[in-house]
PDB file of N, CA and C in Angstrom:
ATOM      1  N   TYR A   1       5.080 -15.511 -31.949  1.00  0.00           N
ATOM      2  CA  TYR A   1       6.148 -15.913 -31.057  1.00  0.00           C
ATOM      3  C   TYR A   1       7.426 -15.210 -31.483  1.00  0.00           C
ATOM      4  N   VAL A   2       8.102 -14.572 -30.553  1.00  0.00           N
ATOM      5  CA  VAL A   2       9.357 -13.881 -30.869  1.00  0.00           C
ATOM      6  C   VAL A   2      10.534 -14.806 -30.607  1.00  0.00           C
ATOM      7  N   ALA A   3      10.718 -15.222 -29.359  1.00  0.00           N
ATOM      8  CA  ALA A   3      11.855 -16.073 -29.013  1.00  0.00           C
ATOM      9  C   ALA A   3      11.788 -16.470 -27.556  1.00  0.00           C
ATOM     10  N   ALA A   4      12.641 -17.395 -27.193  1.00  0.00           N
ATOM     11  CA  ALA A   4      12.814 -17.743 -25.789  1.00  0.00           C
ATOM     12  C   ALA A   4      14.124 -17.151 -25.318  1.00  0.00           C
ATOM     13  N   GLY A   5      14.166 -16.729 -24.078  1.00  0.00           N
ATOM     14  CA  GLY A   5      15.377 -16.146 -23.522  1.00  0.00           C
ATOM     15  C   GLY A   5      15.083 -15.557 -22.164  1.00  0.00           C
ATOM     16  N   ALA A   6      16.035 -14.909 -21.591  1.00  0.00           N
ATOM     17  CA  ALA A   6      15.820 -14.280 -20.289  1.00  0.00           C
ATOM     18  C   ALA A   6      16.733 -13.085 -20.184  1.00  0.00           C
ATOM     19  N   PRO A   7      16.257 -11.936 -19.825  1.00  0.00           N
ATOM     20  CA  PRO A   7      14.850 -11.551 -19.663  1.00  0.00           C
ATOM     21  C   PRO A   7      14.263 -11.093 -20.991  1.00  0.00           C
ATOM     22  N   ALA A   8      12.966 -10.725 -20.983  1.00  0.00           N
ATOM     23  CA  ALA A   8      12.316 -10.238 -22.200  1.00  0.00           C
ATOM     24  C   ALA A   8      13.039  -8.994 -22.687  1.00  0.00           C
ATOM     25  N   GLY A   9      13.328  -8.939 -23.963  1.00  0.00           N
ATOM     26  CA  GLY A   9      14.091  -7.819 -24.492  1.00  0.00           C
ATOM     27  C   GLY A   9      13.255  -6.896 -25.354  1.00  0.00           C
ATOM     28  N   VAL A  10      13.899  -5.913 -25.915  1.00  0.00           N
ATOM     29  CA  VAL A  10      13.237  -4.964 -26.801  1.00  0.00           C
ATOM     30  C   VAL A  10      13.701  -5.164 -28.238  1.00  0.00           C
ATOM     31  N   LEU A  11      14.455  -6.227 -28.454  1.00  0.00           N
ATOM     32  CA  LEU A  11      14.945  -6.535 -29.793  1.00  0.00           C
ATOM     33  C   LEU A  11      14.480  -7.923 -30.208  1.00  0.00           C
ATOM     34  N   ARG A  12      14.320  -8.089 -31.507  1.00  0.00           N
ATOM     35  CA  ARG A  12      14.045  -9.412 -32.064  1.00  0.00           C
ATOM     36  C   ARG A  12      15.348 -10.205 -32.032  1.00  0.00           C
ATOM     37  N   PRO A  13      15.262 -11.540 -32.200  1.00  0.00           N
ATOM     38  CA  PRO A  13      16.501 -12.332 -32.203  1.00  0.00           C
ATOM     39  C   PRO A  13      17.516 -11.866 -33.248  1.00  0.00           C
ATOM     40  N   ASN A  14      17.041 -11.268 -34.367  1.00  0.00           N
ATOM     41  CA  ASN A  14      17.973 -10.806 -35.407  1.00  0.00           C
ATOM     42  C   ASN A  14      18.558  -9.435 -35.095  1.00  0.00           C
ATOM     43  N   GLY A  15      18.172  -8.828 -33.938  1.00  0.00           N
ATOM     44  CA  GLY A  15      18.710  -7.535 -33.531  1.00  0.00           C
ATOM     45  C   GLY A  15      17.831  -6.349 -33.879  1.00  0.00           C
ATOM     46  N   ASP A  16      16.775  -6.555 -34.683  1.00  0.00           N
ATOM     47  CA  ASP A  16      15.863  -5.461 -35.027  1.00  0.00           C
ATOM     48  C   ASP A  16      15.014  -5.081 -33.814  1.00  0.00           C
ATOM     49  N   ALA A  17      14.681  -3.798 -33.719  1.00  0.00           N
ATOM     50  CA  ALA A  17      13.827  -3.321 -32.627  1.00  0.00           C
ATOM     51  C   ALA A  17      12.401  -3.821 -32.819  1.00  0.00           C
ATOM     52  N   LEU A  18      11.703  -4.056 -31.713  1.00  0.00           N
ATOM     53  CA  LEU A  18      10.295  -4.421 -31.772  1.00  0.00           C
ATOM     54  C   LEU A  18       9.489  -3.217 -32.249  1.00  0.00           C
ATOM     55  N   THR A  19       8.449  -3.473 -33.028  1.00  0.00           N
ATOM     56  CA  THR A  19       7.623  -2.402 -33.587  1.00  0.00           C
ATOM     57  C   THR A  19       6.146  -2.701 -33.325  1.00  0.00           C
ATOM     58  N   ALA A  20       5.280  -1.833 -33.831  1.00  0.00           N
ATOM     59  CA  ALA A  20       3.842  -2.041 -33.698  1.00  0.00           C
ATOM     60  C   ALA A  20       3.414  -3.356 -34.345  1.00  0.00           C
ATOM     61  N   ALA A  21       4.141  -3.817 -35.325  1.00  0.00           N
ATOM     62  CA  ALA A  21       3.828  -5.090 -35.980  1.00  0.00           C
ATOM     63  C   ALA A  21       4.036  -6.275 -35.039  1.00  0.00           C
ATOM     64  N   ASP A  22       4.768  -6.066 -33.954  1.00  0.00           N
ATOM     65  CA  ASP A  22       5.035  -7.141 -33.000  1.00  0.00           C
ATOM     66  C   ASP A  22       3.981  -7.248 -31.903  1.00  0.00           C
ATOM     67  N   VAL A  23       3.026  -6.316 -31.871  1.00  0.00           N
ATOM     68  CA  VAL A  23       1.975  -6.363 -30.849  1.00  0.00           C
ATOM     69  C   VAL A  23       1.251  -7.704 -30.954  1.00  0.00           C
ATOM     70  N   GLY A  24       1.106  -8.362 -29.809  1.00  0.00           N
ATOM     71  CA  GLY A  24       0.443  -9.660 -29.774  1.00  0.00           C
ATOM     72  C   GLY A  24       1.392 -10.841 -29.802  1.00  0.00           C
ATOM     73  N   ARG A  25       2.651 -10.560 -30.072  1.00  0.00           N
ATOM     74  CA  ARG A  25       3.624 -11.662 -30.097  1.00  0.00           C
ATOM     75  C   ARG A  25       3.889 -12.177 -28.687  1.00  0.00           C
ATOM     76  N   LEU A  26       4.270 -13.435 -28.618  1.00  0.00           N
ATOM     77  CA  LEU A  26       4.559 -14.067 -27.340  1.00  0.00           C
ATOM     78  C   LEU A  26       6.059 -14.242 -27.162  1.00  0.00           C
ATOM     79  N   TYR A  27       6.461 -14.284 -25.913  1.00  0.00           N
ATOM     80  CA  TYR A  27       7.864 -14.464 -25.535  1.00  0.00           C
ATOM     81  C   TYR A  27       7.886 -15.407 -24.337  1.00  0.00           C
ATOM     82  N   VAL A  28       8.766 -16.379 -24.325  1.00  0.00           N
ATOM     83  CA  VAL A  28       8.905 -17.298 -23.199  1.00  0.00           C
ATOM     84  C   VAL A  28      10.211 -16.998 -22.483  1.00  0.00           C
ATOM     85  N   ASN A  29      10.105 -16.703 -21.176  1.00  0.00           N
ATOM     86  CA  ASN A  29      11.296 -16.504 -20.364  1.00  0.00           C
ATOM     87  C   ASN A  29      11.841 -17.891 -20.046  1.00  0.00           C
ATOM     88  N   SER A  30      12.996 -18.214 -20.586  1.00  0.00           N
ATOM     89  CA  SER A  30      13.542 -19.563 -20.434  1.00  0.00           C
ATOM     90  C   SER A  30      14.025 -19.856 -19.022  1.00  0.00           C
ATOM     91  N   THR A  31      14.172 -18.835 -18.194  1.00  0.00           N
ATOM     92  CA  THR A  31      14.590 -19.046 -16.807  1.00  0.00           C
ATOM     93  C   THR A  31      13.393 -19.356 -15.916  1.00  0.00           C
ATOM     94  N   THR A  32      12.323 -18.567 -16.063  1.00  0.00           N
ATOM     95  CA  THR A  32      11.151 -18.722 -15.186  1.00  0.00           C
ATOM     96  C   THR A  32      10.030 -19.542 -15.819  1.00  0.00           C
ATOM     97  N   GLN A  33      10.143 -19.824 -17.122  1.00  0.00           N
ATOM     98  CA  GLN A  33       9.114 -20.538 -17.888  1.00  0.00           C
ATOM     99  C   GLN A  33       7.798 -19.772 -17.963  1.00  0.00           C
ATOM    100  N   GLU A  34       7.848 -18.452 -17.800  1.00  0.00           N
ATOM    101  CA  GLU A  34       6.650 -17.620 -17.890  1.00  0.00           C
ATOM    102  C   GLU A  34       6.489 -17.116 -19.323  1.00  0.00           C
ATOM    103  N   ILE A  35       5.226 -16.952 -19.726  1.00  0.00           N
ATOM    104  CA  ILE A  35       4.920 -16.473 -21.067  1.00  0.00           C
ATOM    105  C   ILE A  35       4.498 -15.012 -20.980  1.00  0.00           C
ATOM    106  N   TYR A  36       5.020 -14.203 -21.889  1.00  0.00           N
ATOM    107  CA  TYR A  36       4.719 -12.777 -21.926  1.00  0.00           C
ATOM    108  C   TYR A  36       4.106 -12.406 -23.270  1.00  0.00           C
ATOM    109  N   TYR A  37       3.301 -11.347 -23.271  1.00  0.00           N
ATOM    110  CA  TYR A  37       2.610 -10.803 -24.438  1.00  0.00           C
ATOM    111  C   TYR A  37       3.126  -9.388 -24.662  1.00  0.00           C
ATOM    112  N   TYR A  38       3.497  -9.060 -25.910  1.00  0.00           N
ATOM    113  CA  TYR A  38       3.988  -7.713 -26.209  1.00  0.00           C
ATOM    114  C   TYR A  38       2.812  -6.804 -26.532  1.00  0.00           C
ATOM    115  N   ASN A  39       2.633  -5.719 -25.761  1.00  0.00           N
ATOM    116  CA  ASN A  39       1.482  -4.828 -25.949  1.00  0.00           C
ATOM    117  C   ASN A  39       1.815  -3.573 -26.754  1.00  0.00           C
ATOM    118  N   GLY A  40       2.996  -3.500 -27.289  1.00  0.00           N
ATOM    119  CA  GLY A  40       3.395  -2.342 -28.092  1.00  0.00           C
ATOM    120  C   GLY A  40       4.443  -1.478 -27.415  1.00  0.00           C
ATOM    121  N   THR A  41       4.510  -1.554 -26.085  1.00  0.00           N
ATOM    122  CA  THR A  41       5.533  -0.804 -25.360  1.00  0.00           C
ATOM    123  C   THR A  41       6.266  -1.670 -24.343  1.00  0.00           C
ATOM    124  N   THR A  42       5.574  -2.625 -23.748  1.00  0.00           N
ATOM    125  CA  THR A  42       6.190  -3.493 -22.744  1.00  0.00           C
ATOM    126  C   THR A  42       5.684  -4.924 -22.897  1.00  0.00           C
ATOM    127  N   TRP A  43       6.347  -5.825 -22.204  1.00  0.00           N
ATOM    128  CA  TRP A  43       5.925  -7.223 -22.158  1.00  0.00           C
ATOM    129  C   TRP A  43       5.034  -7.411 -20.937  1.00  0.00           C
ATOM    130  N   THR A  44       3.853  -7.994 -21.131  1.00  0.00           N
ATOM    131  CA  THR A  44       2.898  -8.239 -20.049  1.00  0.00           C
ATOM    132  C   THR A  44       2.836  -9.736 -19.807  1.00  0.00           C
ATOM    133  N   LYS A  45       2.988 -10.134 -18.548  1.00  0.00           N
ATOM    134  CA  LYS A  45       2.923 -11.552 -18.219  1.00  0.00           C
ATOM    135  C   LYS A  45       1.546 -12.093 -18.596  1.00  0.00           C
ATOM    136  N   SER A  46       1.514 -13.247 -19.237  1.00  0.00           N
ATOM    137  CA  SER A  46       0.261 -13.770 -19.765  1.00  0.00           C
ATOM    138  C   SER A  46      -0.787 -13.995 -18.692  1.00  0.00           C
ATOM    139  N   GLY A  47      -0.385 -14.236 -17.465  1.00  0.00           N
ATOM    140  CA  GLY A  47      -1.352 -14.403 -16.383  1.00  0.00           C
ATOM    141  C   GLY A  47      -2.146 -13.145 -16.124  1.00  0.00           C
ATOM    142  N   ASP A  48      -1.648 -12.025 -16.595  1.00  0.00           N
ATOM    143  CA  ASP A  48      -2.334 -10.747 -16.417  1.00  0.00           C
ATOM    144  C   ASP A  48      -3.274 -10.428 -17.574  1.00  0.00           C
ATOM    145  N   MET A  49      -3.381 -11.319 -18.539  1.00  0.00           N
ATOM    146  CA  MET A  49      -4.140 -11.023 -19.743  1.00  0.00           C
ATOM    147  C   MET A  49      -5.643 -11.217 -19.593  1.00  0.00           C
ATOM    148  N   ALA A  50      -6.117 -11.922 -18.576  1.00  0.00           N
ATOM    149  CA  ALA A  50      -7.551 -12.146 -18.433  1.00  0.00           C
ATOM    150  C   ALA A  50      -8.313 -10.833 -18.323  1.00  0.00           C
ATOM    151  N   SER A  51      -7.673  -9.829 -17.741  1.00  0.00           N
ATOM    152  CA  SER A  51      -8.343  -8.537 -17.616  1.00  0.00           C
ATOM    153  C   SER A  51      -8.389  -7.793 -18.949  1.00  0.00           C
ATOM    154  N   MET A  52      -7.677  -8.290 -19.949  1.00  0.00           N
ATOM    155  CA  MET A  52      -7.654  -7.649 -21.259  1.00  0.00           C
ATOM    156  C   MET A  52      -8.661  -8.263 -22.226  1.00  0.00           C
ATOM    157  N   VAL A  53      -9.307  -9.373 -21.810  1.00  0.00           N
ATOM    158  CA  VAL A  53     -10.252 -10.060 -22.689  1.00  0.00           C
ATOM    159  C   VAL A  53     -11.661  -9.649 -22.299  1.00  0.00           C
ATOM    160  N   SER A  54     -12.335  -8.957 -23.204  1.00  0.00           N
ATOM    161  CA  SER A  54     -13.684  -8.480 -22.891  1.00  0.00           C
ATOM    162  C   SER A  54     -14.701  -9.592 -23.119  1.00  0.00           C
ATOM    163  N   ILE A  55     -15.813  -9.484 -22.400  1.00  0.00           N
ATOM    164  CA  ILE A  55     -16.900 -10.450 -22.546  1.00  0.00           C
ATOM    165  C   ILE A  55     -18.216  -9.696 -22.681  1.00  0.00           C
ATOM    166  N   ALA A  56     -19.191 -10.362 -23.264  1.00  0.00           N
ATOM    167  CA  ALA A  56     -20.551  -9.845 -23.335  1.00  0.00           C
ATOM    168  C   ALA A  56     -21.455 -10.942 -22.795  1.00  0.00           C
ATOM    169  N   ASP A  57     -22.161 -10.661 -21.730  1.00  0.00           N
ATOM    170  CA  ASP A  57     -23.013 -11.655 -21.088  1.00  0.00           C
ATOM    171  C   ASP A  57     -24.444 -11.506 -21.588  1.00  0.00           C
ATOM    172  N   ALA A  58     -24.805 -12.312 -22.578  1.00  0.00           N
ATOM    173  CA  ALA A  58     -26.138 -12.231 -23.175  1.00  0.00           C
ATOM    174  C   ALA A  58     -27.232 -12.618 -22.183  1.00  0.00           C
ATOM    175  N   GLY A  59     -26.889 -13.436 -21.172  1.00  0.00           N
ATOM    176  CA  GLY A  59     -27.884 -13.868 -20.201  1.00  0.00           C
ATOM    177  C   GLY A  59     -28.053 -12.926 -19.027  1.00  0.00           C
ATOM    178  N   GLY A  60     -27.206 -11.911 -18.932  1.00  0.00           N
ATOM    179  CA  GLY A  60     -27.304 -10.957 -17.839  1.00  0.00           C
ATOM    180  C   GLY A  60     -26.947 -11.524 -16.478  1.00  0.00           C
ATOM    181  N   LEU A  61     -26.090 -12.535 -16.454  1.00  0.00           N
ATOM    182  CA  LEU A  61     -25.713 -13.180 -15.194  1.00  0.00           C
ATOM    183  C   LEU A  61     -24.480 -12.562 -14.551  1.00  0.00           C
ATOM    184  N   ILE A  62     -23.617 -11.958 -15.357  1.00  0.00           N
ATOM    185  CA  ILE A  62     -22.357 -11.397 -14.887  1.00  0.00           C
ATOM    186  C   ILE A  62     -22.343  -9.905 -15.210  1.00  0.00           C
ATOM    187  N   THR A  63     -21.906  -9.096 -14.265  1.00  0.00           N
ATOM    188  CA  THR A  63     -21.840  -7.656 -14.525  1.00  0.00           C
ATOM    189  C   THR A  63     -20.467  -7.224 -15.038  1.00  0.00           C
ATOM    190  N   ALA A  64     -19.459  -8.056 -14.836  1.00  0.00           N
ATOM    191  CA  ALA A  64     -18.100  -7.729 -15.280  1.00  0.00           C
ATOM    192  C   ALA A  64     -18.057  -7.637 -16.802  1.00  0.00           C
ATOM    193  N   THR A  65     -17.107  -6.877 -17.297  1.00  0.00           N
ATOM    194  CA  THR A  65     -16.943  -6.727 -18.738  1.00  0.00           C
ATOM    195  C   THR A  65     -15.681  -7.400 -19.256  1.00  0.00           C
ATOM    196  N   ASP A  66     -14.912  -8.071 -18.354  1.00  0.00           N
ATOM    197  CA  ASP A  66     -13.721  -8.793 -18.782  1.00  0.00           C
ATOM    198  C   ASP A  66     -13.651 -10.128 -18.052  1.00  0.00           C
ATOM    199  N   VAL A  67     -12.825 -11.029 -18.557  1.00  0.00           N
ATOM    200  CA  VAL A  67     -12.725 -12.387 -18.013  1.00  0.00           C
ATOM    201  C   VAL A  67     -12.276 -12.369 -16.550  1.00  0.00           C
ATOM    202  N   GLU A  68     -11.278 -11.561 -16.225  1.00  0.00           N
ATOM    203  CA  GLU A  68     -10.786 -11.488 -14.843  1.00  0.00           C
ATOM    204  C   GLU A  68     -11.915 -11.115 -13.887  1.00  0.00           C
ATOM    205  N   GLY A  69     -12.673 -10.081 -14.226  1.00  0.00           N
ATOM    206  CA  GLY A  69     -13.784  -9.653 -13.386  1.00  0.00           C
ATOM    207  C   GLY A  69     -14.863 -10.717 -13.263  1.00  0.00           C
ATOM    208  N   ALA A  70     -15.152 -11.406 -14.364  1.00  0.00           N
ATOM    209  CA  ALA A  70     -16.166 -12.465 -14.339  1.00  0.00           C
ATOM    210  C   ALA A  70     -15.735 -13.613 -13.434  1.00  0.00           C
ATOM    211  N   LEU A  71     -14.461 -13.993 -13.515  1.00  0.00           N
ATOM    212  CA  LEU A  71     -13.966 -15.064 -12.643  1.00  0.00           C
ATOM    213  C   LEU A  71     -14.052 -14.660 -11.171  1.00  0.00           C
ATOM    214  N   GLN A  72     -13.736 -13.408 -10.880  1.00  0.00           N
ATOM    215  CA  GLN A  72     -13.837 -12.932  -9.501  1.00  0.00           C
ATOM    216  C   GLN A  72     -15.285 -12.967  -9.020  1.00  0.00           C
ATOM    217  N   GLU A  73     -16.231 -12.590  -9.886  1.00  0.00           N
ATOM    218  CA  GLU A  73     -17.646 -12.650  -9.514  1.00  0.00           C
ATOM    219  C   GLU A  73     -18.073 -14.079  -9.207  1.00  0.00           C
ATOM    220  N   ILE A  74     -17.647 -15.016 -10.037  1.00  0.00           N
ATOM    221  CA  ILE A  74     -18.004 -16.424  -9.830  1.00  0.00           C
ATOM    222  C   ILE A  74     -17.441 -16.937  -8.506  1.00  0.00           C
ATOM    223  N   VAL A  75     -16.181 -16.630  -8.229  1.00  0.00           N
ATOM    224  CA  VAL A  75     -15.560 -17.053  -6.964  1.00  0.00           C
ATOM    225  C   VAL A  75     -16.317 -16.452  -5.775  1.00  0.00           C
ATOM    226  N   ASN A  76     -16.680 -15.177  -5.893  1.00  0.00           N
ATOM    227  CA  ASN A  76     -17.430 -14.539  -4.802  1.00  0.00           C
ATOM    228  C   ASN A  76     -18.790 -15.188  -4.603  1.00  0.00           C
ATOM    229  N   ARG A  77     -19.463 -15.549  -5.685  1.00  0.00           N
ATOM    230  CA  ARG A  77     -20.771 -16.201  -5.570  1.00  0.00           C
ATOM    231  C   ARG A  77     -20.647 -17.582  -4.937  1.00  0.00           C
ATOM    232  N   ILE A  78     -19.598 -18.298  -5.283  1.00  0.00           N
ATOM    233  CA  ILE A  78     -19.360 -19.611  -4.667  1.00  0.00           C
ATOM    234  C   ILE A  78     -19.118 -19.442  -3.177  1.00  0.00           C
ATOM    235  N   ALA A  79     -18.352 -18.415  -2.794  1.00  0.00           N
ATOM    236  CA  ALA A  79     -18.088 -18.167  -1.371  1.00  0.00           C
ATOM    237  C   ALA A  79     -19.388 -17.881  -0.623  1.00  0.00           C
ATOM    238  N   VAL A  80     -20.306 -17.125  -1.236  1.00  0.00           N
ATOM    239  CA  VAL A  80     -21.597 -16.836  -0.612  1.00  0.00           C
ATOM    240  C   VAL A  80     -22.391 -18.132  -0.432  1.00  0.00           C
ATOM    241  N   LEU A  81     -22.398 -18.980  -1.451  1.00  0.00           N
ATOM    242  CA  LEU A  81     -23.096 -20.267  -1.357  1.00  0.00           C
ATOM    243  C   LEU A  81     -22.499 -21.151  -0.266  1.00  0.00           C
ATOM    244  N   GLU A  82     -21.174 -21.191  -0.209  1.00  0.00           N
ATOM    245  CA  GLU A  82     -20.509 -21.988   0.825  1.00  0.00           C
ATOM    246  C   GLU A  82     -20.892 -21.493   2.214  1.00  0.00           C
ATOM    247  N   ASN A  83     -20.962 -20.183   2.369  1.00  0.00           N
ATOM    248  CA  ASN A  83     -21.334 -19.601   3.654  1.00  0.00           C
ATOM    249  C   ASN A  83     -22.760 -20.000   4.035  1.00  0.00           C
ATOM    250  N   LYS A  84     -23.669 -19.947   3.060  1.00  0.00           N
ATOM    251  CA  LYS A  84     -25.065 -20.323   3.319  1.00  0.00           C
ATOM    252  C   LYS A  84     -25.205 -21.806   3.629  1.00  0.00           C
ATOM    253  N   LEU A  85     -24.427 -22.629   2.932  1.00  0.00           N
ATOM    254  CA  LEU A  85     -24.487 -24.067   3.143  1.00  0.00           C
ATOM    255  C   LEU A  85     -23.734 -24.502   4.397  1.00  0.00           C
ATOM    256  N   GLY A  86     -22.791 -23.703   4.805  1.00  0.00           N
ATOM    257  CA  GLY A  86     -21.947 -24.080   5.931  1.00  0.00           C
ATOM    258  C   GLY A  86     -20.982 -25.192   5.561  1.00  0.00           C
ATOM    259  N   ALA A  87     -20.694 -25.314   4.273  1.00  0.00           N
ATOM    260  CA  ALA A  87     -19.793 -26.362   3.795  1.00  0.00           C
ATOM    261  C   ALA A  87     -19.024 -25.836   2.588  1.00  0.00           C
ATOM    262  N   SER A  88     -17.926 -26.488   2.310  1.00  0.00           N
ATOM    263  CA  SER A  88     -17.080 -26.106   1.190  1.00  0.00           C
ATOM    264  C   SER A  88     -17.547 -26.807  -0.078  1.00  0.00           C
ATOM    265  N   ILE A  89     -17.610 -26.069  -1.175  1.00  0.00           N
ATOM    266  CA  ILE A  89     -17.952 -26.660  -2.466  1.00  0.00           C
ATOM    267  C   ILE A  89     -16.642 -27.070  -3.122  1.00  0.00           C
ATOM    268  N   THR A  90     -16.496 -28.366  -3.356  1.00  0.00           N
ATOM    269  CA  THR A  90     -15.239 -28.864  -3.911  1.00  0.00           C
ATOM    270  C   THR A  90     -15.365 -29.326  -5.361  1.00  0.00           C
ATOM    271  N   LYS A  91     -16.596 -29.530  -5.825  1.00  0.00           N
ATOM    272  CA  LYS A  91     -16.778 -30.011  -7.187  1.00  0.00           C
ATOM    273  C   LYS A  91     -18.082 -29.454  -7.748  1.00  0.00           C
ATOM    274  N   ILE A  92     -18.010 -28.924  -8.957  1.00  0.00           N
ATOM    275  CA  ILE A  92     -19.198 -28.426  -9.624  1.00  0.00           C
ATOM    276  C   ILE A  92     -19.322 -29.187 -10.929  1.00  0.00           C
ATOM    277  N   GLU A  93     -20.460 -29.827 -11.130  1.00  0.00           N
ATOM    278  CA  GLU A  93     -20.694 -30.569 -12.364  1.00  0.00           C
ATOM    279  C   GLU A  93     -21.715 -29.824 -13.212  1.00  0.00           C
ATOM    280  N   VAL A  94     -21.430 -29.737 -14.483  1.00  0.00           N
ATOM    281  CA  VAL A  94     -22.374 -29.116 -15.415  1.00  0.00           C
ATOM    282  C   VAL A  94     -23.158 -30.236 -16.078  1.00  0.00           C
ATOM    283  N   VAL A  95     -24.463 -30.145 -15.961  1.00  0.00           N
ATOM    284  CA  VAL A  95     -25.312 -31.187 -16.559  1.00  0.00           C
ATOM    285  C   VAL A  95     -26.234 -30.607 -17.594  1.00  0.00           C
TER     286      VAL A  95
END
């Protein structure tokens, strides 16, 4: 965690420049309440990080290689099921 403030800066609160050692640090924009991740050159909004997390599907059920892609595949599969059922799926229980 670096600091809270608005907007995300290129300096630490003590005035030092951000460096490679700061990669992975978080920053909270106190105006928008959004969380950002420092990637070494820029701040990336945390909502965009799912595409940066890789996955390995041991069961061979998902072809995506990152969380964002896997979530999109799941949503698409649910849409196909809803179309076949002619009804909306509102709750999925894992048993």
